[in-house]
């Protein structure tokens, strides 16, 4: 399989995994009226439903970003898994979610968000357009660098830490989520 074919398969798998959100059964007749089909979940609802983003959801709540990430957006969020957060030095997450560190936590979380809806296809096009490396400006004002490594998109933060996108294009009502195996840290 070529990298392009493998990458396309990864995107197809991601879309298939998220199709369940759009395929929720319609609500039954209630008092003779048809109920509206449920709306697609937003970024926060999606993260809450995965079972692997509990640390991220707790951090978003501690930073007071639930309303922002539930708003119309659109946003692109690089969402570290619980395993990704566990790779940080022991005690880091517990320290960051303390009220006294809300500003630092907010800065780290907004460093994982980009204004607008940036799909994997968009990222790959940017990478190719810029000779194999694309710079992305985050909501926090920092920069991330995107590259391809074989069939994976790899994002490097300002500290030089490389993180792979493990699941691309999880579509939500207010943007797109790309699941990552690491946490980005600004300079």
Protein backbone atom coordinates (compact mmCIF):
# COMPACT_ATOMS: atom_id res chain seq x y z
CA UNK A 1 0.00 0.00 0.00
CA UNK A 2 1.30 3.47 -0.80
CA UNK A 3 1.45 6.17 1.90
CA UNK A 4 -1.34 8.00 0.09
CA UNK A 5 -3.54 4.89 0.10
CA UNK A 6 -2.77 4.17 3.75
CA UNK A 7 -3.50 7.78 4.71
CA UNK A 8 -6.79 7.65 2.79
CA UNK A 9 -7.64 4.42 4.63
CA UNK A 10 -6.89 6.12 7.95
CA UNK A 11 -9.22 9.00 7.09
CA UNK A 12 -11.91 6.57 5.93
CA UNK A 13 -11.60 4.67 9.22
CA UNK A 14 -11.86 7.92 11.18
CA UNK A 15 -14.96 8.90 9.26
CA UNK A 16 -16.46 5.46 9.75
CA UNK A 17 -15.79 5.72 13.47
CA UNK A 18 -17.63 9.02 13.64
CA UNK A 19 -20.52 8.04 11.41
CA UNK A 20 -22.31 6.68 14.46
CA UNK A 21 -22.93 10.25 15.60
CA UNK A 22 -24.83 11.06 12.43
CA UNK A 23 -26.62 7.71 12.44
CA UNK A 24 -28.28 8.11 15.82
CA UNK A 25 -31.81 6.77 15.57
CA UNK A 26 -34.55 9.32 15.15
CA UNK A 27 -36.69 9.86 18.20
CA UNK A 28 -40.06 8.14 18.20
CA UNK A 29 -43.33 10.01 17.74
CA UNK A 30 -44.16 11.95 20.87
CA UNK A 31 -47.74 13.15 21.25
CA UNK A 32 -48.32 12.95 17.51
CA UNK A 33 -45.33 15.15 16.59
CA UNK A 34 -42.10 14.17 14.94
CA UNK A 35 -39.06 14.94 17.05
CA UNK A 36 -36.13 16.66 15.37
CA UNK A 37 -33.10 14.52 14.68
CA UNK A 38 -30.42 15.06 17.31
CA UNK A 39 -27.69 17.54 16.38
CA UNK A 40 -24.14 16.31 15.94
CA UNK A 41 -22.18 16.64 19.18
CA UNK A 42 -19.83 19.59 19.65
CA UNK A 43 -16.12 19.27 20.44
CA UNK A 44 -16.62 18.97 24.21
CA UNK A 45 -19.46 16.44 23.89
CA UNK A 46 -17.38 14.42 21.46
CA UNK A 47 -14.37 14.38 23.81
CA UNK A 48 -16.62 13.38 26.71
CA UNK A 49 -17.99 10.43 24.73
CA UNK A 50 -14.71 8.78 23.70
CA UNK A 51 -13.62 7.28 27.02
CA UNK A 52 -9.98 8.18 26.24
CA UNK A 53 -10.13 11.96 26.71
CA UNK A 54 -11.11 12.13 30.39
CA UNK A 55 -7.98 14.10 31.35
CA UNK A 56 -8.54 16.55 28.50
CA UNK A 57 -12.17 17.07 29.51
CA UNK A 58 -11.17 17.64 33.15
CA UNK A 59 -8.54 20.15 32.01
CA UNK A 60 -11.03 21.97 29.74
CA UNK A 61 -13.44 22.21 32.68
CA UNK A 62 -10.70 23.43 35.07
CA UNK A 63 -9.65 26.09 32.55
CA UNK A 64 -13.23 27.28 32.07
CA UNK A 65 -13.15 26.53 28.33
CA UNK A 66 -16.29 24.36 28.08
CA UNK A 67 -18.49 27.21 26.81
CA UNK A 68 -15.85 28.37 24.31
CA UNK A 69 -15.33 24.88 22.87
CA UNK A 70 -19.09 24.33 22.79
CA UNK A 71 -19.71 27.57 20.86
CA UNK A 72 -20.32 27.59 17.08
CA UNK A 73 -16.63 27.99 16.24
CA UNK A 74 -15.48 26.43 14.03
CA UNK A 75 -12.36 25.14 15.75
CA UNK A 76 -9.78 22.50 15.02
CA UNK A 77 -8.62 20.76 18.19
CA UNK A 78 -5.63 18.45 18.52
CA UNK A 79 -6.91 16.25 21.36
CA UNK A 80 -4.36 14.36 23.47
CA UNK A 81 -5.56 11.07 24.91
CA UNK A 82 -5.35 10.12 28.57
CA UNK A 83 -2.26 8.06 27.66
CA UNK A 84 -0.68 11.17 26.12
CA UNK A 85 -1.24 13.15 29.33
CA UNK A 86 0.19 10.23 31.34
CA UNK A 87 3.50 10.68 29.46
CA UNK A 88 4.00 14.08 31.13
CA UNK A 89 6.16 14.14 34.27
CA UNK A 90 4.34 12.80 37.32
CA UNK A 91 2.21 15.45 39.03
CA UNK A 92 2.08 17.78 36.01
CA UNK A 93 -1.64 17.39 35.30
CA UNK A 94 -2.60 17.54 39.00
CA UNK A 95 -0.64 20.77 39.31
CA UNK A 96 -2.06 22.32 36.15
CA UNK A 97 -5.73 21.76 37.09
CA UNK A 98 -5.34 23.67 40.36
CA UNK A 99 -7.19 27.02 40.30
CA UNK A 100 -3.92 28.90 40.87
CA UNK A 101 -2.60 27.56 37.53
CA UNK A 102 -5.70 28.32 35.42
CA UNK A 103 -3.81 30.80 33.21
CA UNK A 104 -1.03 28.31 32.41
CA UNK A 105 -3.55 25.54 31.77
CA UNK A 106 -5.62 27.79 29.50
CA UNK A 107 -2.47 28.67 27.54
CA UNK A 108 -1.59 25.00 27.06
CA UNK A 109 -5.12 24.03 26.01
CA UNK A 110 -5.54 26.92 23.57
CA UNK A 111 -2.16 25.90 22.12
CA UNK A 112 -4.00 22.73 21.00
CA UNK A 113 -6.69 24.70 19.12
CA UNK A 114 -6.72 26.40 15.74
CA UNK A 115 -9.39 28.82 14.54
CA UNK A 116 -11.40 27.36 11.67
CA UNK A 117 -11.98 23.84 10.45
CA UNK A 118 -8.70 22.28 9.26
CA UNK A 119 -9.13 18.73 8.02
CA UNK A 120 -6.34 16.21 7.49
CA UNK A 121 -6.67 16.82 3.76
CA UNK A 122 -6.15 20.55 4.38
CA UNK A 123 -3.08 19.83 6.53
CA UNK A 124 -1.55 17.51 3.95
CA UNK A 125 -2.15 20.11 1.21
CA UNK A 126 -0.43 22.79 3.33
CA UNK A 127 2.49 20.50 4.08
CA UNK A 128 2.96 19.71 0.40
CA UNK A 129 2.48 23.33 -0.67
CA UNK A 130 5.24 24.45 1.69
CA UNK A 131 7.79 21.83 0.70
CA UNK A 132 7.12 19.24 3.39
CA UNK A 133 6.49 21.43 6.43
CA UNK A 134 3.61 23.74 7.35
CA UNK A 135 3.41 26.23 10.22
CA UNK A 136 0.09 26.45 12.03
CA UNK A 137 -0.81 29.37 14.30
CA UNK A 138 -2.81 28.33 17.35
CA UNK A 139 -5.55 30.17 19.23
CA UNK A 140 -2.94 30.83 21.95
CA UNK A 141 -0.81 32.63 19.36
CA UNK A 142 1.90 29.98 19.34
CA UNK A 143 3.06 27.93 16.40
CA UNK A 144 2.97 24.25 15.58
CA UNK A 145 4.82 22.62 12.69
CA UNK A 146 3.10 19.89 10.68
CA UNK A 147 4.96 17.30 8.59
CA UNK A 148 4.25 13.92 7.09
CA UNK A 149 6.08 10.88 8.40
CA UNK A 150 5.11 8.05 6.12
CA UNK A 151 1.33 8.01 6.27
CA UNK A 152 1.01 9.98 9.53
CA UNK A 153 0.72 13.67 10.23
CA UNK A 154 3.27 14.63 12.88
CA UNK A 155 2.96 17.89 14.77
CA UNK A 156 5.99 19.45 16.47
CA UNK A 157 5.45 21.97 19.25
CA UNK A 158 7.64 24.98 20.10
CA UNK A 159 9.71 22.82 22.46
CA UNK A 160 10.58 20.42 19.63
CA UNK A 161 8.34 17.58 20.89
CA UNK A 162 6.91 15.55 17.99
CA UNK A 163 3.39 14.19 18.36
CA UNK A 164 1.52 11.97 15.89
CA UNK A 165 -2.09 12.38 14.86
CA UNK A 166 -3.47 8.91 15.61
CA UNK A 167 -7.02 9.55 14.42
CA UNK A 168 -7.81 12.35 12.00
CA UNK A 169 -11.03 14.12 11.07
CA UNK A 170 -13.41 13.40 13.92
CA UNK A 171 -16.13 15.76 12.71
CA UNK A 172 -18.21 17.70 15.23
CA UNK A 173 -20.98 20.28 14.98
CA UNK A 174 -18.46 23.08 15.59
CA UNK A 175 -15.29 21.87 13.94
CA UNK A 176 -12.95 18.93 13.75
CA UNK A 177 -10.87 16.96 16.25
CA UNK A 178 -7.58 15.24 15.49
CA UNK A 179 -6.60 12.76 18.22
CA UNK A 180 -2.92 12.92 19.22
CA UNK A 181 -0.53 10.66 21.14
CA UNK A 182 1.20 13.55 22.90
CA UNK A 183 0.58 16.90 24.58
CA UNK A 184 1.83 20.11 22.94
CA UNK A 185 3.77 22.50 25.15
CA UNK A 186 4.38 26.11 24.13
CA UNK A 187 7.83 27.68 24.35
